[in-house]
């Protein structure tokens, strides 16, 4: 038992001349490659998470800006605001209410309707 642990600590299983040493080296290289792939995959995942968080925050900011602009536009479209702006330019509202103009379209007679 003491020799087995001592051999593992000295890594004699990697330098022996038998076929097991080559298999052990291949297995260690395989494990190292898997570890590198896992680290790279984790890093890509974290980058995507950070990008999603940044885009979510940007969407929230744009949405709040949209709401602000929409409320500002509604205030500007109000009749009282428009009339105040027009009074500043000395354009006053009409005392006479508008009237609706109706245009009657005459029905055109087609070629066949002219004969009948």
N, C-alpha and C. Protein backbone atom coordinates (compact mmCIF):
# COMPACT_ATOMS: atom_id res chain seq x y z
N UNK A 1 0.83 -1.19 0.00
CA UNK A 1 0.00 0.00 0.00
C UNK A 1 0.87 1.24 0.00
N UNK A 2 1.92 1.22 0.83
CA UNK A 2 2.79 2.38 0.92
C UNK A 2 3.51 2.61 -0.39
N UNK A 3 3.91 1.56 -1.05
CA UNK A 3 4.57 1.68 -2.35
C UNK A 3 3.60 2.20 -3.42
N UNK A 4 2.34 1.77 -3.37
CA UNK A 4 1.34 2.21 -4.36
C UNK A 4 1.09 3.70 -4.28
N UNK A 5 0.93 4.24 -3.08
CA UNK A 5 0.68 5.67 -2.91
C UNK A 5 1.94 6.45 -3.30
N UNK A 6 3.10 5.93 -2.91
CA UNK A 6 4.35 6.59 -3.23
C UNK A 6 4.57 6.63 -4.75
N UNK A 7 4.21 5.56 -5.45
CA UNK A 7 4.32 5.52 -6.92
C UNK A 7 3.36 6.53 -7.57
N UNK A 8 2.16 6.69 -7.02
CA UNK A 8 1.20 7.65 -7.59
C UNK A 8 1.72 9.06 -7.39
N UNK A 9 2.26 9.36 -6.20
CA UNK A 9 2.79 10.70 -5.93
C UNK A 9 3.99 11.04 -6.82
N UNK A 10 4.80 10.07 -7.12
CA UNK A 10 5.95 10.29 -8.01
C UNK A 10 5.57 10.19 -9.48
N UNK A 11 4.32 9.84 -9.78
CA UNK A 11 3.78 9.72 -11.13
C UNK A 11 4.52 8.68 -11.94
N UNK A 12 4.82 7.58 -11.31
CA UNK A 12 5.51 6.50 -12.02
C UNK A 12 4.59 5.80 -13.02
N UNK A 13 3.28 5.93 -12.82
CA UNK A 13 2.34 5.31 -13.75
C UNK A 13 2.37 6.02 -15.11
N UNK A 14 2.98 7.21 -15.18
CA UNK A 14 3.09 7.92 -16.44
C UNK A 14 4.41 7.69 -17.17
N UNK A 15 5.40 7.21 -16.46
CA UNK A 15 6.72 7.06 -17.08
C UNK A 15 7.16 5.61 -17.23
N UNK A 16 6.34 4.68 -16.87
CA UNK A 16 6.67 3.26 -17.05
C UNK A 16 6.76 2.94 -18.53
N UNK A 17 7.49 1.94 -18.86
CA UNK A 17 7.72 1.55 -20.24
C UNK A 17 6.59 0.69 -20.81
N UNK A 18 5.68 0.25 -20.02
CA UNK A 18 4.62 -0.63 -20.53
C UNK A 18 3.54 0.17 -21.28
N UNK A 19 2.55 -0.53 -21.82
CA UNK A 19 1.51 0.09 -22.65
C UNK A 19 0.54 0.92 -21.81
N UNK A 20 0.47 0.66 -20.52
CA UNK A 20 -0.44 1.41 -19.67
C UNK A 20 -0.06 2.89 -19.58
N UNK A 21 1.21 3.20 -19.67
CA UNK A 21 1.65 4.60 -19.56
C UNK A 21 1.08 5.42 -20.72
N UNK A 22 1.09 4.89 -21.93
CA UNK A 22 0.55 5.60 -23.09
C UNK A 22 -0.97 5.80 -22.93
N UNK A 23 -1.65 4.78 -22.43
CA UNK A 23 -3.10 4.91 -22.20
C UNK A 23 -3.37 5.98 -21.13
N UNK A 24 -2.56 5.98 -20.10
CA UNK A 24 -2.74 6.98 -19.04
C UNK A 24 -2.53 8.38 -19.59
N UNK A 25 -1.52 8.58 -20.42
CA UNK A 25 -1.27 9.89 -21.01
C UNK A 25 -2.43 10.32 -21.90
N UNK A 26 -2.95 9.40 -22.70
CA UNK A 26 -4.09 9.73 -23.55
C UNK A 26 -5.31 10.13 -22.72
N UNK A 27 -5.55 9.40 -21.64
CA UNK A 27 -6.68 9.72 -20.77
C UNK A 27 -6.50 11.11 -20.13
N UNK A 28 -5.31 11.43 -19.68
CA UNK A 28 -5.05 12.73 -19.05
C UNK A 28 -5.23 13.86 -20.06
N UNK A 29 -4.74 13.67 -21.28
CA UNK A 29 -4.92 14.69 -22.32
C UNK A 29 -6.41 14.86 -22.65
N UNK A 30 -7.13 13.75 -22.69
CA UNK A 30 -8.58 13.81 -22.94
C UNK A 30 -9.29 14.59 -21.84
N UNK A 31 -8.94 14.32 -20.59
CA UNK A 31 -9.57 15.03 -19.47
C UNK A 31 -9.23 16.52 -19.52
N UNK A 32 -8.00 16.86 -19.88
CA UNK A 32 -7.59 18.27 -19.98
C UNK A 32 -8.39 18.96 -21.10
N UNK A 33 -8.54 18.31 -22.24
CA UNK A 33 -9.33 18.89 -23.33
C UNK A 33 -10.78 19.10 -22.92
N UNK A 34 -11.36 18.12 -22.21
CA UNK A 34 -12.73 18.29 -21.73
C UNK A 34 -12.84 19.47 -20.77
N UNK A 35 -11.85 19.63 -19.90
CA UNK A 35 -11.87 20.75 -18.96
C UNK A 35 -11.79 22.08 -19.70
N UNK A 36 -10.94 22.17 -20.74
CA UNK A 36 -10.82 23.40 -21.53
C UNK A 36 -12.15 23.70 -22.24
N UNK A 37 -12.78 22.69 -22.80
CA UNK A 37 -14.06 22.88 -23.48
C UNK A 37 -15.13 23.34 -22.49
N UNK A 38 -15.15 22.77 -21.30
CA UNK A 38 -16.13 23.18 -20.29
C UNK A 38 -15.91 24.62 -19.87
N UNK A 39 -14.66 25.03 -19.69
CA UNK A 39 -14.36 26.41 -19.29
C UNK A 39 -14.79 27.37 -20.39
N UNK A 40 -14.48 27.03 -21.65
CA UNK A 40 -14.86 27.90 -22.77
C UNK A 40 -16.38 28.00 -22.88
N UNK A 41 -17.06 26.88 -22.70
CA UNK A 41 -18.52 26.88 -22.78
C UNK A 41 -19.13 27.73 -21.67
N UNK A 42 -18.60 27.63 -20.47
CA UNK A 42 -19.10 28.44 -19.36
C UNK A 42 -18.88 29.92 -19.62
N UNK A 43 -17.74 30.25 -20.18
CA UNK A 43 -17.45 31.66 -20.47
C UNK A 43 -18.42 32.20 -21.53
N UNK A 44 -18.68 31.44 -22.57
CA UNK A 44 -19.64 31.88 -23.60
C UNK A 44 -21.03 32.05 -23.00
N UNK A 45 -21.42 31.14 -22.13
CA UNK A 45 -22.73 31.22 -21.48
C UNK A 45 -22.83 32.50 -20.65
N UNK A 46 -21.80 32.80 -19.88
CA UNK A 46 -21.82 34.00 -19.04
C UNK A 46 -21.84 35.27 -19.90
N UNK A 47 -21.13 35.28 -21.02
CA UNK A 47 -21.16 36.44 -21.91
C UNK A 47 -22.58 36.65 -22.45
N UNK A 48 -23.24 35.59 -22.81
CA UNK A 48 -24.61 35.70 -23.32
C UNK A 48 -25.56 36.21 -22.23
N UNK A 49 -25.36 35.74 -21.01
CA UNK A 49 -26.21 36.19 -19.90
C UNK A 49 -26.01 37.69 -19.67
N UNK A 50 -24.75 38.15 -19.69
CA UNK A 50 -24.49 39.58 -19.51
C UNK A 50 -25.10 40.40 -20.64
N UNK A 51 -25.03 39.89 -21.86
CA UNK A 51 -25.61 40.61 -22.99
C UNK A 51 -27.14 40.68 -22.86
N UNK A 52 -27.76 39.59 -22.42
CA UNK A 52 -29.21 39.58 -22.23
C UNK A 52 -29.61 40.58 -21.16
N UNK A 53 -28.86 40.66 -20.08
CA UNK A 53 -29.15 41.62 -19.02
C UNK A 53 -29.02 43.04 -19.54
N UNK A 54 -27.96 43.31 -20.31
CA UNK A 54 -27.77 44.66 -20.86
C UNK A 54 -28.91 45.03 -21.81
N UNK A 55 -29.32 44.10 -22.67
CA UNK A 55 -30.41 44.37 -23.59
C UNK A 55 -31.74 44.55 -22.86
N UNK A 56 -31.96 43.81 -21.80
CA UNK A 56 -33.18 43.97 -21.01
C UNK A 56 -33.23 45.35 -20.38
N UNK A 57 -32.10 45.80 -19.85
CA UNK A 57 -32.06 47.14 -19.26
C UNK A 57 -32.30 48.21 -20.33
N UNK A 58 -31.74 48.01 -21.51
CA UNK A 58 -31.93 48.98 -22.59
C UNK A 58 -33.40 49.03 -23.02
N UNK A 59 -34.04 47.87 -23.08
CA UNK A 59 -35.46 47.82 -23.44
C UNK A 59 -36.29 48.57 -22.40
N UNK A 60 -35.98 48.39 -21.12
CA UNK A 60 -36.72 49.10 -20.07
C UNK A 60 -36.53 50.61 -20.20
N UNK A 61 -35.31 51.05 -20.49
CA UNK A 61 -35.05 52.48 -20.66
C UNK A 61 -35.82 53.03 -21.85
N UNK A 62 -35.78 52.31 -22.96
CA UNK A 62 -36.48 52.77 -24.16
C UNK A 62 -38.00 52.78 -23.95
N UNK A 63 -38.51 51.81 -23.23
CA UNK A 63 -39.95 51.78 -22.95
C UNK A 63 -40.36 52.98 -22.09
N UNK A 64 -39.56 53.30 -21.09
CA UNK A 64 -39.91 54.44 -20.24
C UNK A 64 -39.79 55.74 -21.03
N UNK A 65 -38.80 55.82 -21.92
CA UNK A 65 -38.67 57.01 -22.77
C UNK A 65 -39.88 57.12 -23.70
N UNK A 66 -40.34 56.00 -24.23
CA UNK A 66 -41.51 56.00 -25.10
C UNK A 66 -42.74 56.50 -24.36
N UNK A 67 -42.93 56.04 -23.14
CA UNK A 67 -44.08 56.47 -22.35
C UNK A 67 -44.00 57.98 -22.08
N UNK A 68 -42.80 58.47 -21.75
CA UNK A 68 -42.63 59.91 -21.52
C UNK A 68 -42.96 60.71 -22.77
N UNK A 69 -42.45 60.28 -23.90
CA UNK A 69 -42.71 61.00 -25.16
C UNK A 69 -44.18 60.95 -25.53
N UNK A 70 -44.82 59.82 -25.30
CA UNK A 70 -46.23 59.69 -25.64
C UNK A 70 -47.08 60.63 -24.78
N UNK A 71 -46.78 60.71 -23.48
CA UNK A 71 -47.54 61.62 -22.62
C UNK A 71 -47.27 63.07 -23.00
N UNK A 72 -46.03 63.37 -23.38
CA UNK A 72 -45.70 64.73 -23.84
C UNK A 72 -46.48 65.07 -25.11
N UNK A 73 -46.56 64.13 -26.03
CA UNK A 73 -47.30 64.34 -27.26
C UNK A 73 -48.79 64.54 -26.98
N UNK A 74 -49.35 63.77 -26.06
CA UNK A 74 -50.77 63.92 -25.73
C UNK A 74 -51.04 65.31 -25.16
N UNK A 75 -50.11 65.82 -24.35
CA UNK A 75 -50.28 67.17 -23.81
C UNK A 75 -50.23 68.21 -24.93
N UNK A 76 -49.32 68.00 -25.89
CA UNK A 76 -49.20 68.96 -27.00
C UNK A 76 -50.41 68.91 -27.93
N UNK A 77 -51.08 67.78 -28.03
CA UNK A 77 -52.22 67.65 -28.92
C UNK A 77 -53.52 68.16 -28.31
N UNK A 78 -53.51 68.46 -27.03
CA UNK A 78 -54.74 68.93 -26.40
C UNK A 78 -55.15 70.27 -27.00
N UNK A 79 -56.46 70.47 -27.09
CA UNK A 79 -57.00 71.67 -27.72
C UNK A 79 -56.58 72.93 -26.97
N UNK A 80 -56.54 72.85 -25.64
CA UNK A 80 -56.16 74.03 -24.86
C UNK A 80 -54.71 74.43 -25.13
N UNK A 81 -53.83 73.46 -25.26
CA UNK A 81 -52.42 73.76 -25.54
C UNK A 81 -52.28 74.37 -26.93
N UNK A 82 -52.99 73.79 -27.89
CA UNK A 82 -52.92 74.31 -29.25
C UNK A 82 -53.48 75.73 -29.31
N UNK A 83 -54.59 75.97 -28.65
CA UNK A 83 -55.18 77.32 -28.68
C UNK A 83 -54.27 78.32 -27.98
N UNK A 84 -53.61 77.92 -26.90
CA UNK A 84 -52.65 78.83 -26.24
C UNK A 84 -51.49 79.19 -27.16
N UNK A 85 -50.99 78.22 -27.87
CA UNK A 85 -49.89 78.48 -28.81
C UNK A 85 -50.34 79.39 -29.95
N UNK A 86 -51.58 79.20 -30.38
CA UNK A 86 -52.09 80.04 -31.48
C UNK A 86 -52.35 81.47 -31.00
N UNK A 87 -52.76 81.65 -29.77
CA UNK A 87 -52.97 83.00 -29.23
C UNK A 87 -51.64 83.74 -29.16
N UNK A 88 -50.56 83.05 -28.86
CA UNK A 88 -49.24 83.67 -28.85
C UNK A 88 -48.89 84.22 -30.23
N UNK A 89 -49.34 83.54 -31.27
CA UNK A 89 -49.07 83.98 -32.64
C UNK A 89 -50.18 84.89 -33.17
N UNK A 90 -51.10 85.26 -32.29
CA UNK A 90 -52.24 86.13 -32.59
C UNK A 90 -53.18 85.53 -33.63
N UNK A 91 -53.39 84.26 -33.50
CA UNK A 91 -54.40 83.56 -34.30
C UNK A 91 -55.46 83.08 -33.32
N UNK A 92 -56.67 83.57 -33.48
CA UNK A 92 -57.72 83.30 -32.51
C UNK A 92 -58.71 82.30 -33.08
N UNK A 93 -59.38 81.54 -32.21
CA UNK A 93 -60.37 80.58 -32.69
C UNK A 93 -61.58 81.29 -33.29
N UNK A 94 -62.21 80.64 -34.21
CA UNK A 94 -63.37 81.21 -34.90
C UNK A 94 -64.58 81.23 -33.97
N UNK A 95 -65.35 82.30 -34.09
CA UNK A 95 -66.58 82.41 -33.29
C UNK A 95 -67.71 81.62 -33.95
N UNK A 96 -67.61 81.41 -35.25
CA UNK A 96 -68.62 80.68 -36.01
C UNK A 96 -68.19 79.22 -36.09
N UNK A 97 -69.04 78.31 -35.69
CA UNK A 97 -68.66 76.90 -35.78
C UNK A 97 -68.57 76.45 -37.24
N UNK A 98 -67.75 75.50 -37.50
CA UNK A 98 -67.62 75.04 -38.88
C UNK A 98 -68.88 74.31 -39.35
N UNK A 99 -69.11 74.39 -40.65
CA UNK A 99 -70.24 73.68 -41.23
C UNK A 99 -69.71 72.60 -42.15
N UNK A 100 -70.47 71.55 -42.24
CA UNK A 100 -70.07 70.43 -43.06
C UNK A 100 -70.57 70.64 -44.48
N UNK A 101 -69.69 70.49 -45.43
CA UNK A 101 -70.04 70.66 -46.84
C UNK A 101 -70.28 69.28 -47.42
N UNK A 102 -71.45 69.10 -47.98
CA UNK A 102 -71.78 67.82 -48.60
C UNK A 102 -71.78 68.00 -50.10
N UNK A 103 -71.08 67.15 -50.79
CA UNK A 103 -71.03 67.18 -52.25
C UNK A 103 -71.82 65.99 -52.76
N UNK A 104 -72.80 66.30 -53.57
CA UNK A 104 -73.61 65.23 -54.14
C UNK A 104 -73.01 64.85 -55.48
N UNK A 105 -72.72 63.62 -55.60
CA UNK A 105 -72.13 63.13 -56.83
C UNK A 105 -73.24 62.66 -57.75
N UNK A 106 -73.23 63.24 -58.94
CA UNK A 106 -74.26 62.84 -59.90
C UNK A 106 -73.89 61.48 -60.46
N UNK A 107 -74.93 60.71 -60.63
CA UNK A 107 -74.72 59.37 -61.13
C UNK A 107 -74.52 59.43 -62.64
N UNK A 108 -73.41 58.87 -63.07
CA UNK A 108 -73.14 58.87 -64.50
C UNK A 108 -73.93 57.75 -65.16
N UNK A 109 -74.50 58.08 -66.28
CA UNK A 109 -75.26 57.05 -66.99
C UNK A 109 -74.31 56.32 -67.92
N UNK A 110 -74.42 55.04 -67.84
CA UNK A 110 -73.58 54.23 -68.71
C UNK A 110 -74.20 54.17 -70.11
N UNK A 111 -73.51 53.60 -71.01
CA UNK A 111 -73.96 53.51 -72.39
C UNK A 111 -75.29 52.79 -72.49
N UNK A 112 -75.44 51.70 -71.73
CA UNK A 112 -76.68 50.92 -71.79
C UNK A 112 -77.83 51.63 -71.09
N UNK A 113 -77.53 52.39 -70.02
CA UNK A 113 -78.59 53.09 -69.29
C UNK A 113 -79.15 54.25 -70.11
N UNK A 114 -78.39 54.79 -71.04
CA UNK A 114 -78.87 55.89 -71.86
C UNK A 114 -80.01 55.42 -72.78
N UNK A 115 -79.96 54.20 -73.22
CA UNK A 115 -80.98 53.68 -74.15
C UNK A 115 -82.24 53.24 -73.42
N UNK A 116 -82.15 52.92 -72.15
CA UNK A 116 -83.32 52.37 -71.48
C UNK A 116 -83.95 53.37 -70.62
